[in-house]
N, C-alpha and C. Protein backbone atom coordinates (compact mmCIF):
# COMPACT_ATOMS: atom_id res chain seq x y z
N MET A 1 0.74 -1.17 0.23
CA MET A 1 0.17 0.15 -0.17
C MET A 1 0.85 1.17 -0.03
N THR A 2 0.68 2.20 -0.97
CA THR A 2 1.17 3.22 -0.59
C THR A 2 0.87 4.35 0.53
N SER A 3 1.51 5.08 1.05
CA SER A 3 1.54 6.09 1.82
C SER A 3 1.07 7.40 1.33
N GLN A 4 0.11 7.93 2.10
CA GLN A 4 -0.29 9.15 1.57
C GLN A 4 0.11 10.37 2.56
N LEU A 5 0.85 10.11 3.51
CA LEU A 5 1.44 10.77 4.14
C LEU A 5 2.62 11.99 3.79
N VAL A 6 2.67 12.87 3.43
CA VAL A 6 3.56 13.69 2.69
C VAL A 6 4.63 14.05 3.99
N VAL A 7 5.85 14.11 3.85
CA VAL A 7 6.76 14.23 4.94
C VAL A 7 7.99 15.24 4.50
N SER A 8 7.64 15.81 3.23
CA SER A 8 8.91 16.73 3.12
C SER A 8 8.18 17.87 2.31
N PRO A 9 8.61 19.25 2.14
CA PRO A 9 7.99 20.07 1.29
C PRO A 9 8.03 19.51 -0.35
N PHE A 10 7.07 20.14 -0.80
CA PHE A 10 7.21 19.97 -2.43
C PHE A 10 8.41 20.70 -2.81
N ALA A 11 8.90 20.25 -4.00
CA ALA A 11 10.21 20.88 -4.94
C ALA A 11 9.94 20.57 -6.20
N LYS A 12 10.32 21.59 -7.31
CA LYS A 12 10.26 21.35 -8.50
C LYS A 12 11.64 21.18 -8.88
N SER A 13 11.85 20.68 -10.14
CA SER A 13 13.18 20.73 -10.84
C SER A 13 13.96 22.03 -11.00
N SER A 14 15.24 22.23 -10.77
CA SER A 14 15.82 23.41 -11.65
C SER A 14 15.71 23.75 -12.81
N PHE A 15 15.23 22.79 -13.62
CA PHE A 15 15.33 22.56 -15.35
C PHE A 15 13.88 23.60 -15.63
N SER A 16 12.95 23.63 -14.69
CA SER A 16 11.65 24.13 -14.76
C SER A 16 11.44 25.38 -15.44
N GLY A 17 12.51 26.34 -15.34
CA GLY A 17 12.39 27.80 -15.54
C GLY A 17 11.63 28.52 -14.48
N GLY A 18 11.40 29.54 -14.91
CA GLY A 18 10.43 30.53 -14.19
C GLY A 18 9.52 31.37 -15.01
N GLY A 19 8.94 32.37 -14.28
CA GLY A 19 7.86 33.08 -14.65
C GLY A 19 6.47 32.50 -15.25
N SER A 20 5.84 33.05 -16.47
CA SER A 20 4.72 32.49 -16.39
C SER A 20 4.75 31.23 -17.44
N ALA A 21 5.89 30.71 -17.81
CA ALA A 21 5.97 29.79 -18.62
C ALA A 21 6.57 28.39 -17.83
N ASN A 22 6.49 28.38 -16.66
CA ASN A 22 6.61 27.67 -15.39
C ASN A 22 5.39 26.63 -15.63
N GLU A 23 5.89 25.27 -16.05
CA GLU A 23 4.97 24.49 -16.43
C GLU A 23 5.64 23.04 -15.95
N CYS A 24 5.33 22.67 -14.75
CA CYS A 24 6.18 21.38 -14.38
C CYS A 24 5.43 20.97 -13.03
N VAL A 25 5.71 19.64 -12.75
CA VAL A 25 5.23 19.06 -11.48
C VAL A 25 6.16 19.51 -9.92
N GLU A 26 5.74 19.27 -9.18
CA GLU A 26 6.24 19.35 -8.17
C GLU A 26 6.20 18.06 -7.25
N VAL A 27 7.33 17.57 -6.47
CA VAL A 27 7.42 15.96 -6.01
C VAL A 27 8.03 16.33 -4.55
N ALA A 28 7.32 15.60 -3.66
CA ALA A 28 7.31 15.21 -2.35
C ALA A 28 7.72 14.20 -1.72
N HIS A 29 8.45 13.82 -0.73
CA HIS A 29 8.47 12.55 -0.20
C HIS A 29 7.16 12.09 0.66
N THR A 30 7.07 10.74 0.46
CA THR A 30 5.97 10.18 1.45
C THR A 30 6.62 9.42 2.63
N ALA A 31 5.90 8.63 3.41
CA ALA A 31 6.33 8.29 4.74
C ALA A 31 6.80 6.83 4.52
N ASP A 32 6.48 6.33 3.40
CA ASP A 32 6.97 5.12 2.95
C ASP A 32 8.19 5.10 2.31
N GLY A 33 8.56 6.06 1.75
CA GLY A 33 9.60 6.14 0.69
C GLY A 33 9.37 6.57 -0.48
N GLY A 34 7.92 6.83 -0.93
CA GLY A 34 7.60 7.09 -2.12
C GLY A 34 7.56 8.45 -2.67
N ARG A 35 6.74 8.79 -3.37
CA ARG A 35 6.68 10.13 -3.67
C ARG A 35 5.19 10.79 -3.80
N ALA A 36 4.58 11.81 -3.44
CA ALA A 36 3.69 12.71 -4.06
C ALA A 36 4.06 13.67 -5.12
N VAL A 37 3.11 13.75 -6.05
CA VAL A 37 3.31 14.41 -7.52
C VAL A 37 2.24 15.28 -7.37
N ARG A 38 2.58 16.66 -7.65
CA ARG A 38 1.31 17.50 -7.81
C ARG A 38 1.67 18.40 -8.90
N ASP A 39 0.72 19.33 -9.44
CA ASP A 39 0.86 20.24 -10.95
C ASP A 39 1.50 21.54 -10.13
N SER A 40 2.40 22.15 -10.46
CA SER A 40 2.90 23.36 -9.90
C SER A 40 2.01 24.66 -10.39
N LYS A 41 1.06 24.25 -11.40
CA LYS A 41 0.22 25.25 -11.57
C LYS A 41 -0.90 25.51 -10.47
N ASP A 42 -1.02 24.26 -10.21
CA ASP A 42 -2.44 24.10 -9.41
C ASP A 42 -2.33 22.95 -8.42
N PRO A 43 -1.48 23.68 -7.01
CA PRO A 43 -1.13 22.93 -6.09
C PRO A 43 -2.22 22.30 -5.26
N ALA A 44 -3.38 22.85 -5.40
CA ALA A 44 -4.50 22.41 -4.60
C ALA A 44 -5.49 21.81 -5.40
N GLY A 45 -5.15 21.18 -6.67
CA GLY A 45 -5.78 20.62 -7.49
C GLY A 45 -5.85 18.76 -7.17
N GLY A 46 -5.23 18.51 -6.27
CA GLY A 46 -4.92 17.05 -5.77
C GLY A 46 -3.20 16.42 -6.33
N LEU A 47 -3.54 15.34 -5.54
CA LEU A 47 -1.93 14.73 -5.63
C LEU A 47 -2.06 13.31 -6.08
N GLN A 48 -1.08 12.76 -6.72
CA GLN A 48 -1.00 11.58 -7.24
C GLN A 48 0.22 10.81 -6.04
N PHE A 49 0.18 9.46 -5.96
CA PHE A 49 1.03 9.09 -4.80
C PHE A 49 1.62 7.75 -5.73
N TYR A 50 2.82 7.63 -5.54
CA TYR A 50 3.64 6.36 -5.98
C TYR A 50 4.41 5.67 -4.88
N GLY A 51 4.62 4.52 -4.81
CA GLY A 51 5.16 3.80 -3.84
C GLY A 51 6.77 3.87 -4.13
N PRO A 52 7.47 3.51 -3.11
CA PRO A 52 8.74 3.34 -3.58
C PRO A 52 9.21 2.80 -4.86
N GLY A 53 8.43 1.35 -4.94
CA GLY A 53 9.04 0.28 -5.97
C GLY A 53 8.62 1.30 -7.40
N HIS A 54 7.53 1.63 -7.46
CA HIS A 54 6.93 2.17 -8.84
C HIS A 54 7.99 3.37 -9.11
N TRP A 55 8.13 4.12 -8.01
CA TRP A 55 9.08 5.69 -8.52
C TRP A 55 10.12 5.34 -8.62
N ALA A 56 10.71 4.12 -7.92
CA ALA A 56 12.35 4.03 -8.48
C ALA A 56 12.41 3.27 -9.84
N ALA A 57 11.14 2.60 -10.47
CA ALA A 57 11.06 1.91 -11.63
C ALA A 57 10.95 3.41 -12.41
N PHE A 58 10.12 4.57 -12.27
CA PHE A 58 10.03 5.31 -13.10
C PHE A 58 11.50 6.13 -13.18
N ILE A 59 12.31 6.54 -12.22
CA ILE A 59 13.38 7.31 -12.33
C ILE A 59 14.36 6.04 -13.30
N ASP A 60 14.20 5.11 -13.16
CA ASP A 60 15.27 4.07 -13.71
C ASP A 60 14.66 4.17 -15.16
N GLY A 61 13.55 4.10 -15.54
CA GLY A 61 13.41 4.69 -16.88
C GLY A 61 13.64 5.95 -17.50
N VAL A 62 13.66 7.10 -16.82
CA VAL A 62 14.04 8.55 -17.29
C VAL A 62 15.71 8.40 -17.45
N LYS A 63 16.49 7.70 -16.51
CA LYS A 63 17.69 7.56 -16.70
C LYS A 63 18.16 6.68 -17.78
N ALA A 64 17.36 5.48 -18.40
CA ALA A 64 17.66 4.93 -19.51
C ALA A 64 17.13 5.51 -20.68
N GLY A 65 16.31 6.53 -20.86
CA GLY A 65 15.65 7.16 -22.01
C GLY A 65 14.71 6.30 -22.32
N THR A 66 13.80 5.58 -21.73
CA THR A 66 12.79 5.05 -22.25
C THR A 66 11.35 5.94 -22.13
N PHE A 67 11.55 7.22 -21.87
CA PHE A 67 10.44 7.89 -22.33
C PHE A 67 10.89 8.99 -23.43
N GLY A 68 11.80 8.80 -24.05
CA GLY A 68 11.70 9.31 -25.78
C GLY A 68 12.73 10.85 -25.19
N GLY A 69 12.89 11.41 -23.98
CA GLY A 69 13.38 12.49 -23.73
C GLY A 69 14.93 12.94 -23.40
């Protein structure tokens, strides 16, 4: 089960830029070692939660170029 207890401040990537073109997500740690993710433009709009294993798999995919970026 994924913990929905956020235990750190939300942070966004330093690559997100600034000003009105600031479109990215913010990420915070959860109590179980997973992550909570929210839209930086609408922080009150809701959260998505990912357990530690799913978050690790996502990061591994990003590093491997799986998502075409």
